[in-house]
Protein backbone atom coordinates (compact mmCIF):
# COMPACT_ATOMS: atom_id res chain seq x y z
CA UNK A 1 148.00 63.79 133.42
CA UNK A 2 149.21 61.69 136.48
CA UNK A 3 147.99 60.90 139.91
CA UNK A 4 148.38 63.92 142.44
CA UNK A 5 148.70 63.72 146.11
CA UNK A 6 148.72 66.39 149.12
CA UNK A 7 149.09 66.24 152.35
CA UNK A 8 145.87 67.11 154.64
CA UNK A 9 146.26 69.18 157.59
CA UNK A 10 144.99 66.32 159.85
CA UNK A 11 148.01 63.76 158.30
CA UNK A 12 145.75 61.79 156.12
CA UNK A 13 146.69 62.11 152.31
CA UNK A 14 144.47 63.97 149.60
CA UNK A 15 144.52 62.15 146.34
CA UNK A 16 142.90 62.93 143.10
CA UNK A 17 143.06 59.96 140.40
CA UNK A 18 143.72 61.19 137.77
CA UNK A 19 144.29 64.69 137.50
CA UNK A 20 141.44 66.02 135.66
CA UNK A 21 140.22 69.73 134.73
CA UNK A 22 136.69 71.27 134.73
CA UNK A 23 135.87 74.67 134.05
CA UNK A 24 133.08 76.52 135.15
CA UNK A 25 132.18 79.90 133.44
CA UNK A 26 129.58 82.18 135.46
CA UNK A 27 127.33 83.43 132.57
CA UNK A 28 123.77 83.56 134.19
CA UNK A 29 123.21 87.34 135.38
CA UNK A 30 121.01 89.67 133.80
CA UNK A 31 123.44 92.38 133.96
CA UNK A 32 120.43 94.82 134.72
CA UNK A 33 122.60 97.95 134.58
CA UNK A 34 123.86 97.21 130.97
CA UNK A 35 120.04 98.01 129.91
CA UNK A 36 119.89 95.91 127.27
CA UNK A 37 117.72 93.25 125.58
CA UNK A 38 120.98 91.61 125.07
CA UNK A 39 122.57 89.16 128.18
CA UNK A 40 125.82 90.89 129.46
CA UNK A 41 127.85 88.34 128.55
CA UNK A 42 127.20 88.32 124.74
CA UNK A 43 128.23 92.02 124.72
CA UNK A 44 130.87 92.43 121.94
CA UNK A 45 134.32 93.89 123.00
CA UNK A 46 137.16 93.47 119.92
CA UNK A 47 136.24 90.26 117.86
CA UNK A 48 134.48 88.21 120.79
CA UNK A 49 131.89 88.10 123.26
CA UNK A 50 132.66 88.95 126.89
CA UNK A 51 132.26 85.38 127.28
CA UNK A 52 134.04 84.50 124.37
CA UNK A 53 137.06 86.12 125.64
CA UNK A 54 137.07 84.14 129.10
CA UNK A 55 136.49 80.75 127.51
CA UNK A 56 139.91 81.64 125.28
CA UNK A 57 141.45 82.20 128.21
CA UNK A 58 140.77 79.16 129.91
CA UNK A 59 141.52 76.96 126.83
CA UNK A 60 145.12 76.80 127.51
CA UNK A 61 144.42 74.72 130.72
CA UNK A 62 143.34 72.10 128.50
CA UNK A 63 139.72 71.27 130.67
CA UNK A 64 138.35 68.06 130.08
CA UNK A 65 135.21 69.69 130.58
CA UNK A 66 133.86 73.01 130.19
CA UNK A 67 130.41 73.92 131.74
CA UNK A 68 128.92 77.23 131.33
CA UNK A 69 126.06 78.50 133.73
CA UNK A 70 123.39 80.40 131.92
CA UNK A 71 120.19 81.72 133.16
CA UNK A 72 119.07 85.39 131.76
CA UNK A 73 118.99 84.81 127.69
CA UNK A 74 119.65 81.44 128.44
CA UNK A 75 118.56 80.48 124.63
CA UNK A 76 120.78 83.04 123.43
CA UNK A 77 123.56 82.21 125.08
CA UNK A 78 123.59 78.48 124.30
CA UNK A 79 122.88 79.52 120.70
CA UNK A 80 126.22 81.48 120.99
CA UNK A 81 128.03 78.53 122.57
CA UNK A 82 127.36 76.22 119.74
CA UNK A 83 128.85 78.78 117.47
CA UNK A 84 132.00 79.73 119.32
CA UNK A 85 132.77 76.98 121.70
CA UNK A 86 130.89 73.85 120.80
CA UNK A 87 132.58 71.68 123.26
CA UNK A 88 131.19 73.96 126.28
CA UNK A 89 127.91 72.93 127.92
CA UNK A 90 125.39 74.81 128.99
CA UNK A 91 123.84 74.38 132.49
CA UNK A 92 120.67 75.73 133.34
CA UNK A 93 120.35 77.93 136.36
CA UNK A 94 116.52 78.67 136.74
CA UNK A 95 116.93 80.91 139.70
CA UNK A 96 120.07 83.08 140.24
CA UNK A 97 120.63 82.53 144.11
CA UNK A 98 124.33 83.15 144.32
CA UNK A 99 127.58 81.96 142.65
CA UNK A 100 127.82 78.95 145.07
CA UNK A 101 124.21 78.10 143.80
CA UNK A 102 125.58 78.24 140.30
CA UNK A 103 128.57 76.08 140.86
CA UNK A 104 126.42 73.72 142.71
CA UNK A 105 124.03 73.48 139.64
CA UNK A 106 127.14 72.87 137.26
CA UNK A 107 128.79 70.63 139.35
CA UNK A 108 125.57 68.52 140.06
CA UNK A 109 125.01 68.08 136.18
CA UNK A 110 128.55 66.59 135.90
CA UNK A 111 128.43 64.39 139.01
CA UNK A 112 131.72 62.10 137.53
CA UNK A 113 133.71 65.45 137.48
CA UNK A 114 136.74 65.20 140.20
CA UNK A 115 140.22 66.82 140.02
CA UNK A 116 140.92 70.83 139.84
CA UNK A 117 137.67 72.90 139.09
CA UNK A 118 138.35 76.51 137.99
CA UNK A 119 135.76 78.78 138.12
CA UNK A 120 135.61 82.01 136.16
CA UNK A 121 133.28 85.07 135.76
CA UNK A 122 131.70 85.75 132.08
CA UNK A 123 132.59 89.08 132.03
CA UNK A 124 136.53 89.58 132.73
CA UNK A 125 137.70 90.28 128.99
CA UNK A 126 140.86 91.21 129.39
CA UNK A 127 141.93 88.27 131.50
CA UNK A 128 145.12 86.72 130.17
CA UNK A 129 145.26 82.84 129.34
CA UNK A 130 148.98 82.84 130.80
CA UNK A 131 146.91 84.06 134.22
CA UNK A 132 145.01 81.36 133.99
CA UNK A 133 147.14 78.94 133.67
CA UNK A 134 149.72 80.27 136.47
CA UNK A 135 146.63 80.07 138.71
CA UNK A 136 146.02 76.42 138.19
CA UNK A 137 149.73 75.35 137.97
CA UNK A 138 149.96 77.44 141.25
CA UNK A 139 147.26 75.76 142.89
CA UNK A 140 147.88 72.51 141.87
CA UNK A 141 151.84 72.45 142.81
CA UNK A 142 150.66 73.51 146.29
CA UNK A 143 148.10 71.08 146.38
CA UNK A 144 145.56 73.32 147.71
CA UNK A 145 142.26 72.89 148.38
CA UNK A 146 141.56 75.99 147.03
CA UNK A 147 143.08 79.12 145.53
CA UNK A 148 141.77 82.35 144.57
CA UNK A 149 143.25 85.09 142.33
CA UNK A 150 143.46 88.24 143.65
CA UNK A 151 144.59 91.77 142.42
CA UNK A 152 145.72 95.20 144.24
CA UNK A 153 143.82 97.92 142.93
CA UNK A 154 143.14 101.85 143.51
CA UNK A 155 139.74 101.69 143.85
CA UNK A 156 137.98 98.63 145.37
CA UNK A 157 134.57 100.18 145.72
CA UNK A 158 131.93 97.33 144.75
CA UNK A 159 134.42 94.42 144.86
CA UNK A 160 134.82 91.56 147.54
CA UNK A 161 138.38 91.89 149.72
CA UNK A 162 140.50 89.42 150.45
CA UNK A 163 140.97 89.61 154.23
CA UNK A 164 144.35 87.94 155.54
CA UNK A 165 145.17 86.22 158.87
CA UNK A 166 148.05 87.46 160.79
CA UNK A 167 150.38 85.03 159.26
CA UNK A 168 149.60 86.51 155.92
CA UNK A 169 147.48 84.04 154.77
CA UNK A 170 143.90 84.02 153.64
CA UNK A 171 141.49 84.18 156.15
CA UNK A 172 138.03 84.90 153.84
CA UNK A 173 136.66 86.61 152.00
CA UNK A 174 134.06 89.31 152.27
CA UNK A 175 131.79 91.04 150.17
CA UNK A 176 131.44 94.74 149.90
CA UNK A 177 127.90 94.56 151.31
CA UNK A 178 128.62 92.65 154.35
CA UNK A 179 131.91 94.10 155.15
CA UNK A 180 133.23 96.49 158.13
CA UNK A 181 134.38 99.83 157.70
CA UNK A 182 138.13 98.35 158.23
CA UNK A 183 137.87 95.46 155.39
CA UNK A 184 136.30 97.96 153.16
CA UNK A 185 139.63 99.95 152.91
CA UNK A 186 141.50 96.72 151.68
CA UNK A 187 142.43 97.52 148.72
CA UNK A 188 143.32 93.33 147.88
CA UNK A 189 140.45 92.44 145.86
CA UNK A 190 138.76 89.02 144.89
CA UNK A 191 138.91 89.10 141.13
CA UNK A 192 136.45 86.21 140.95
CA UNK A 193 138.46 83.60 139.58
CA UNK A 194 139.58 80.41 141.64
CA UNK A 195 140.92 76.97 141.11
CA UNK A 196 139.50 74.20 144.07
CA UNK A 197 140.01 70.50 144.63
CA UNK A 198 137.08 69.24 142.87
CA UNK A 199 135.98 66.83 145.86
CA UNK A 200 136.48 69.31 148.88
CA UNK A 201 134.42 71.98 146.68
CA UNK A 202 131.46 69.84 146.41
CA UNK A 203 131.57 68.58 149.97
CA UNK A 204 131.77 72.46 150.84
CA UNK A 205 129.00 73.74 148.46
CA UNK A 206 126.59 71.42 150.28
CA UNK A 207 127.26 73.51 153.29
CA UNK A 208 126.47 77.27 152.13
CA UNK A 209 124.21 79.34 154.02
CA UNK A 210 122.08 82.16 152.67
CA UNK A 211 122.45 84.18 155.67
CA UNK A 212 123.98 86.86 154.00
CA UNK A 213 122.68 90.58 152.97
CA UNK A 214 121.60 89.40 149.74
CA UNK A 215 120.25 85.98 150.86
CA UNK A 216 122.45 84.14 148.52
CA UNK A 217 124.82 80.98 148.33
CA UNK A 218 128.20 82.88 148.06
CA UNK A 219 130.72 80.88 146.43
CA UNK A 220 133.38 82.89 148.17
CA UNK A 221 132.26 81.22 151.69
CA UNK A 222 133.66 78.23 150.76
CA UNK A 223 137.19 79.56 151.76
CA UNK A 224 135.97 80.62 154.98
CA UNK A 225 134.97 77.03 155.60
CA UNK A 226 138.42 75.81 154.22
CA UNK A 227 140.34 78.18 156.55
CA UNK A 228 138.03 76.99 159.74
CA UNK A 229 138.69 73.46 159.04
CA UNK A 230 142.40 73.71 158.22
CA UNK A 231 142.16 73.02 154.60
CA UNK A 232 145.23 74.73 152.60
CA UNK A 233 143.92 77.91 151.02
CA UNK A 234 146.17 79.92 148.62
CA UNK A 235 145.90 83.62 147.06
CA UNK A 236 147.60 83.69 143.94
CA UNK A 237 148.04 87.56 143.18
CA UNK A 238 147.73 88.78 139.06
CA UNK A 239 150.66 90.86 137.98
CA UNK A 240 147.93 93.42 136.35
CA UNK A 241 144.75 94.13 138.17
CA UNK A 242 143.30 95.62 134.74
CA UNK A 243 142.75 91.73 133.93
CA UNK A 244 140.76 91.21 136.80
CA UNK A 245 138.65 94.18 135.54
CA UNK A 246 134.81 92.55 135.13
CA UNK A 247 131.84 94.95 133.19
CA UNK A 248 128.69 96.20 134.98
CA UNK A 249 127.56 99.16 132.25
CA UNK A 250 128.14 100.35 129.12
CA UNK A 251 130.80 102.88 130.19
CA UNK A 252 132.87 100.21 132.02
CA UNK A 253 132.40 98.07 128.74
CA UNK A 254 133.80 100.99 126.96
CA UNK A 255 136.70 101.28 129.20
CA UNK A 256 137.79 97.92 128.94
CA UNK A 257 137.57 98.04 125.22
CA UNK A 258 140.24 100.88 125.16
CA UNK A 259 142.54 98.56 127.61
CA UNK A 260 142.02 95.96 125.14
CA UNK A 261 142.86 98.08 122.23
CA UNK A 262 145.76 99.42 123.73
CA UNK A 263 147.07 95.87 124.46
CA UNK A 264 146.32 94.52 121.41
CA UNK A 265 148.03 97.55 119.65
CA UNK A 266 151.04 97.33 121.52
CA UNK A 267 151.44 93.82 121.02
CA UNK A 268 151.27 94.31 117.35
CA UNK A 269 153.79 97.18 117.44
CA UNK A 270 155.99 95.05 119.10
CA UNK A 271 155.91 92.39 116.87
CA UNK A 272 156.93 94.34 113.81
CA UNK A 273 153.80 96.14 112.59
CA UNK A 274 153.56 100.35 112.29
CA UNK A 275 150.33 101.57 113.74
CA UNK A 276 150.74 105.38 112.67
CA UNK A 277 148.23 106.43 115.24
CA UNK A 278 147.32 103.79 117.90
CA UNK A 279 144.54 105.70 119.44
CA UNK A 280 142.39 105.83 116.32
CA UNK A 281 143.27 102.20 115.39
CA UNK A 282 141.00 99.25 116.51
CA UNK A 283 142.21 95.77 115.80
CA UNK A 284 140.65 92.82 116.78
CA UNK A 285 141.71 90.05 118.95
CA UNK A 286 141.18 87.38 115.63
CA UNK A 287 142.97 89.71 113.42
CA UNK A 288 146.66 88.67 111.95
CA UNK A 289 149.18 91.15 110.51
CA UNK A 290 152.61 90.24 108.71
CA UNK A 291 155.47 92.19 109.49
CA UNK A 292 156.30 95.58 108.16
CA UNK A 293 152.42 95.91 107.44
CA UNK A 294 151.60 99.48 108.07
CA UNK A 295 148.42 100.78 109.49
CA UNK A 296 147.21 104.62 109.24
CA UNK A 297 144.92 106.59 111.21
CA UNK A 298 141.00 105.65 111.69
CA UNK A 299 141.36 102.24 110.96
CA UNK A 300 139.31 99.11 111.95
CA UNK A 301 140.57 95.63 111.49
CA UNK A 302 137.53 93.21 112.36
CA UNK A 303 136.87 89.20 112.65
CA UNK A 304 138.82 87.03 110.77
CA UNK A 305 141.05 89.90 108.91
CA UNK A 306 144.30 89.17 107.80
CA UNK A 307 146.86 91.83 106.34
CA UNK A 308 150.03 90.55 104.86
CA UNK A 309 153.62 91.82 105.05
CA UNK A 310 154.57 95.34 103.84
CA UNK A 311 150.93 95.70 103.23
CA UNK A 312 149.49 99.38 103.48
CA UNK A 313 145.89 100.03 105.18
CA UNK A 314 144.31 103.29 105.74
CA UNK A 315 143.63 105.78 106.47
CA UNK A 316 139.94 105.53 107.26
CA UNK A 317 139.29 102.44 106.56
CA UNK A 318 137.13 99.29 107.78
CA UNK A 319 138.03 95.71 107.07
CA UNK A 320 135.48 93.05 108.16
CA UNK A 321 136.85 88.96 107.65
CA UNK A 322 139.21 90.50 104.57
CA UNK A 323 142.37 89.01 103.53
CA UNK A 324 145.06 91.55 102.28
CA UNK A 325 148.02 90.00 100.38
CA UNK A 326 151.43 91.10 100.90
CA UNK A 327 152.39 94.76 99.46
CA UNK A 328 148.93 95.29 98.73
CA UNK A 329 147.31 99.04 99.05
CA UNK A 330 143.85 99.91 100.69
CA UNK A 331 143.06 103.09 101.53
CA UNK A 332 139.75 104.92 102.56
CA UNK A 333 137.66 101.57 101.45
CA UNK A 334 135.18 99.63 103.37
CA UNK A 335 135.76 95.55 102.67
CA UNK A 336 133.45 92.84 104.42
CA UNK A 337 134.42 89.11 103.06
CA UNK A 338 137.05 90.00 100.64
CA UNK A 339 140.16 88.89 99.27
CA UNK A 340 142.49 91.37 97.91
CA UNK A 341 145.82 89.84 96.27
CA UNK A 342 149.64 90.71 96.60
CA UNK A 343 150.43 94.16 95.35
CA UNK A 344 146.78 94.94 94.51
CA UNK A 345 145.32 98.72 95.51
CA UNK A 346 141.84 99.36 96.61
CA UNK A 347 140.54 102.87 97.21
CA UNK A 348 140.17 105.62 97.87
CA UNK A 349 136.72 105.36 98.66
CA UNK A 350 135.71 101.89 97.04
CA UNK A 351 133.72 99.58 98.86
CA UNK A 352 134.26 95.57 98.80
CA UNK A 353 131.47 93.08 99.38
CA UNK A 354 131.59 89.78 100.41
CA UNK A 355 133.25 87.45 97.82
CA UNK A 356 134.96 90.37 95.93
CA UNK A 357 138.48 88.76 94.73
CA UNK A 358 141.01 90.69 93.68
CA UNK A 359 144.34 88.99 91.89
CA UNK A 360 147.57 90.05 92.18
CA UNK A 361 148.26 93.82 91.27
CA UNK A 362 144.55 94.37 90.18
CA UNK A 363 143.43 97.74 91.20
CA UNK A 364 139.76 99.10 91.94
CA UNK A 365 139.58 102.65 92.29
CA UNK A 366 137.71 105.85 93.45
CA UNK A 367 134.17 105.17 93.88
CA UNK A 368 133.96 101.48 93.14
CA UNK A 369 131.89 98.74 94.48
CA UNK A 370 132.29 95.12 93.55
CA UNK A 371 130.26 92.57 95.03
CA UNK A 372 130.75 88.60 94.35
CA UNK A 373 133.21 89.26 91.70
CA UNK A 374 136.84 88.42 90.64
CA UNK A 375 139.17 91.01 89.26
CA UNK A 376 141.72 89.06 87.48
CA UNK A 377 145.71 89.78 87.45
CA UNK A 378 147.20 93.53 86.38
CA UNK A 379 143.45 94.26 85.76
CA UNK A 380 141.50 97.86 86.29
CA UNK A 381 138.64 99.17 87.33
CA UNK A 382 139.67 102.28 88.12
CA UNK A 383 136.60 104.59 88.92
CA UNK A 384 133.07 105.20 89.37
CA UNK A 385 131.44 102.07 88.63
CA UNK A 386 129.61 98.83 90.08
CA UNK A 387 130.70 95.38 89.41
CA UNK A 388 128.53 92.43 90.47
CA UNK A 389 128.42 88.83 90.01
CA UNK A 390 131.44 89.26 87.40
CA UNK A 391 134.67 87.31 86.39
CA UNK A 392 137.38 89.96 84.95
CA UNK A 393 139.97 88.69 83.08
CA UNK A 394 143.74 89.63 83.57
CA UNK A 395 144.79 92.92 82.65
CA UNK A 396 141.46 94.18 81.17
CA UNK A 397 140.27 97.75 81.60
CA UNK A 398 136.89 98.77 82.59
CA UNK A 399 136.19 102.47 81.94
CA UNK A 400 134.47 104.89 84.11
CA UNK A 401 130.86 104.80 85.02
CA UNK A 402 130.59 100.89 83.98
CA UNK A 403 127.48 98.88 85.60
CA UNK A 404 127.51 95.28 85.30
CA UNK A 405 123.77 94.89 85.26
CA UNK A 406 123.53 91.56 87.53
CA UNK A 407 119.75 91.64 88.84
CA UNK A 408 116.96 91.00 86.43
CA UNK A 409 114.54 91.53 89.40
CA UNK A 410 114.32 87.73 90.40
CA UNK A 411 117.62 85.91 89.68
CA UNK A 412 121.48 87.19 89.36
CA UNK A 413 123.32 86.74 86.53
CA UNK A 414 127.01 86.40 85.75
CA UNK A 415 129.05 88.36 83.11
CA UNK A 416 132.76 87.73 81.85
CA UNK A 417 134.93 89.69 80.91
CA UNK A 418 137.92 88.46 78.77
CA UNK A 419 141.69 89.05 78.91
CA UNK A 420 143.36 91.98 78.20
CA UNK A 421 139.29 93.21 77.22
CA UNK A 422 138.78 97.09 77.08
CA UNK A 423 135.19 98.31 78.11
CA UNK A 424 134.42 102.01 77.44
CA UNK A 425 133.22 104.54 79.80
CA UNK A 426 129.67 104.99 80.41
CA UNK A 427 128.80 101.13 79.45
CA UNK A 428 126.05 99.00 80.84
CA UNK A 429 127.13 94.98 80.45
CA UNK A 430 123.73 93.29 80.87
CA UNK A 431 124.21 89.88 81.91
CA UNK A 432 124.42 87.36 81.28
CA UNK A 433 126.85 88.21 78.56
CA UNK A 434 130.71 87.98 77.64
CA UNK A 435 132.98 89.88 76.28
CA UNK A 436 135.56 88.25 74.58
CA UNK A 437 139.31 88.29 75.00
CA UNK A 438 141.18 91.64 73.95
CA UNK A 439 137.56 92.68 72.98
CA UNK A 440 136.43 96.46 73.02
CA UNK A 441 133.50 97.77 74.06
CA UNK A 442 133.17 101.56 72.91
CA UNK A 443 131.71 104.01 75.33
CA UNK A 444 127.98 104.71 75.96
CA UNK A 445 127.34 101.26 75.06
CA UNK A 446 124.46 99.08 76.40
CA UNK A 447 125.78 95.39 75.62
CA UNK A 448 123.32 92.47 75.75
CA UNK A 449 124.86 89.80 73.68
CA UNK A 450 128.44 88.32 73.76
CA UNK A 451 130.71 90.33 72.17
CA UNK A 452 133.25 87.73 70.14
CA UNK A 453 137.40 87.88 70.90
CA UNK A 454 138.89 90.76 69.19
CA UNK A 455 135.62 92.75 68.17
CA UNK A 456 134.40 96.25 68.90
CA UNK A 457 131.04 96.36 70.19
CA UNK A 458 128.98 99.61 69.96
CA UNK A 459 125.17 100.37 70.55
CA UNK A 460 125.09 103.80 70.67
CA UNK A 461 123.03 105.86 68.91
CA UNK A 462 123.80 107.72 65.80
CA UNK A 463 124.44 111.33 66.66
CA UNK A 464 123.67 114.65 64.61
CA UNK A 465 124.83 118.15 64.98
CA UNK A 466 122.33 121.17 64.25
CA UNK A 467 124.48 123.92 63.35
CA UNK A 468 123.75 127.66 64.49
CA UNK A 469 121.10 126.26 66.71
CA UNK A 470 122.63 128.01 69.85
CA UNK A 471 122.56 131.88 67.68
CA UNK A 472 119.02 131.48 66.60
CA UNK A 473 117.60 129.98 70.00
CA UNK A 474 119.81 131.18 72.46
CA UNK A 475 120.65 134.93 71.21
CA UNK A 476 121.79 136.84 73.89
CA UNK A 477 123.41 134.42 76.04
CA UNK A 478 127.32 133.69 77.16
CA UNK A 479 126.97 130.46 74.91
CA UNK A 480 125.92 132.50 71.88
CA UNK A 481 128.61 135.24 72.47
CA UNK A 482 131.37 132.61 73.15
CA UNK A 483 130.05 130.72 69.99
CA UNK A 484 130.08 133.91 67.61
CA UNK A 485 133.30 134.88 68.64
CA UNK A 486 134.82 131.24 67.67
CA UNK A 487 132.72 131.61 64.29
CA UNK A 488 131.61 128.30 64.29
CA UNK A 489 127.89 129.38 63.16
CA UNK A 490 127.75 129.87 59.40
CA UNK A 491 125.61 132.61 58.58
CA UNK A 492 122.26 132.20 57.16
CA UNK A 493 122.28 128.46 58.24
CA UNK A 494 118.61 127.06 58.45
CA UNK A 495 117.07 125.77 62.34
CA UNK A 496 116.84 122.50 62.45
CA UNK A 497 118.94 121.68 59.37
CA UNK A 498 121.93 119.20 59.93
CA UNK A 499 125.12 120.24 58.51
CA UNK A 500 126.93 117.60 59.97
CA UNK A 501 126.27 113.82 60.96
CA UNK A 502 128.98 111.47 62.44
CA UNK A 503 128.63 108.04 63.88
CA UNK A 504 130.11 107.19 67.04
CA UNK A 505 131.73 104.05 65.51
CA UNK A 506 133.80 105.71 63.10
CA UNK A 507 136.18 103.38 61.80
CA UNK A 508 138.44 106.44 61.28
CA UNK A 509 138.52 107.04 64.68
CA UNK A 510 140.85 104.72 66.68
CA UNK A 511 138.75 102.58 69.07
CA UNK A 512 140.92 103.32 71.95
CA UNK A 513 140.78 107.24 72.32
CA UNK A 514 136.41 106.61 72.47
CA UNK A 515 136.20 103.97 75.04
CA UNK A 516 137.43 104.27 78.39
CA UNK A 517 139.64 105.89 81.08
CA UNK A 518 142.48 104.60 82.86
């Protein structure tokens, strides 16, 4: 940015060369009312922590430097910054002696900082990027020494008040504990979000006093200093007061979460997504939805989840870091780190674990669990199966009750089912093993060796029938009466004498009738 000039009250010219921007986020507080081992700013809300939302709101002002003041739980907060905002620099405030002290510590860590300094509280997750951008733009256009973001609220209890002079300009900001009864009646509050001229701010911070109820250095006292010396001080009023709401306990956290849910849901509906019951639909701010997608009730879309156009999700579905392709259907399912291809179907009551991948028009049905496996194009795992560490080829069919036995107690092993293969019900595929393209596996088999393409694998024990057993061993029962009425027990049959033996792999019986369900 180019040089910035502004007139000073004494007629001199204030020049910032060049117009740089520094963001300071105050995140050192303990948040005692949260009653949590987790630092307040790390509590999550719809896809980001409180701190993460604030950093995202500040990003569009393109700061040259971002300083995050940490204190309580400093190691945890610093580690979080490395994960979500590696460009941000943690600055330790070992003793929390007020907001003015926190900003002074931050600027002392970056003595070369000049231009505009933007100060944000770390617990205002509803703050919009547009509001921060507008605040900074108004501040720089006016050439003000300081600009405060204000809001008109119905209940200002606990918040600092904006006290204006006779001309309507800012006279001072008063914390509630230091306010007079008349000042406490003011409903215009300080949102705790500011823009400053960096050079003037440094000078003012050095003059702060601890002569107040808390014995702390209040950043808000800087505004009184500027007003007293005739520096230009501005107030920028937020269009929506809910943006300025902070979080002090878990009740307030839940309220903010509901407000953010409503905002996110409204945005998606206005962009062409159908939400059948917005009140029970929770969508993280990091989620992406395609046009004409339909989201049914009691659905949670979390993390980096992406839903394609015309996909149908829910009801009663949770997707975490999951990709759903165009036109796919996911019903009453839970998925984490999975990929559902275009036109594929999942559920009801399915569980997709990390690295589960369904190709186009694949099907994972009722009570099926899939982990680290690929279900090929048009392949089906309709019900009651576990698929782990496997590759299932296109158009293969996996019968009900099939288990991919992938773990030997020490290592995981891989199973391959070839294109258009047909695996019968109640089958165990003991990895490592491969079922070739077009091969069949008879129902009830335990497959421990590779099956060649086009072959039929059978590992069942031979079946034998003992005729007349029920009448001899269960006389007088309903079963015996039914058998007698059916005339299926020949008179005089000897106990234990088999009258018919048959193989479960009878070549005369079509294998397809013996192996699987769809």
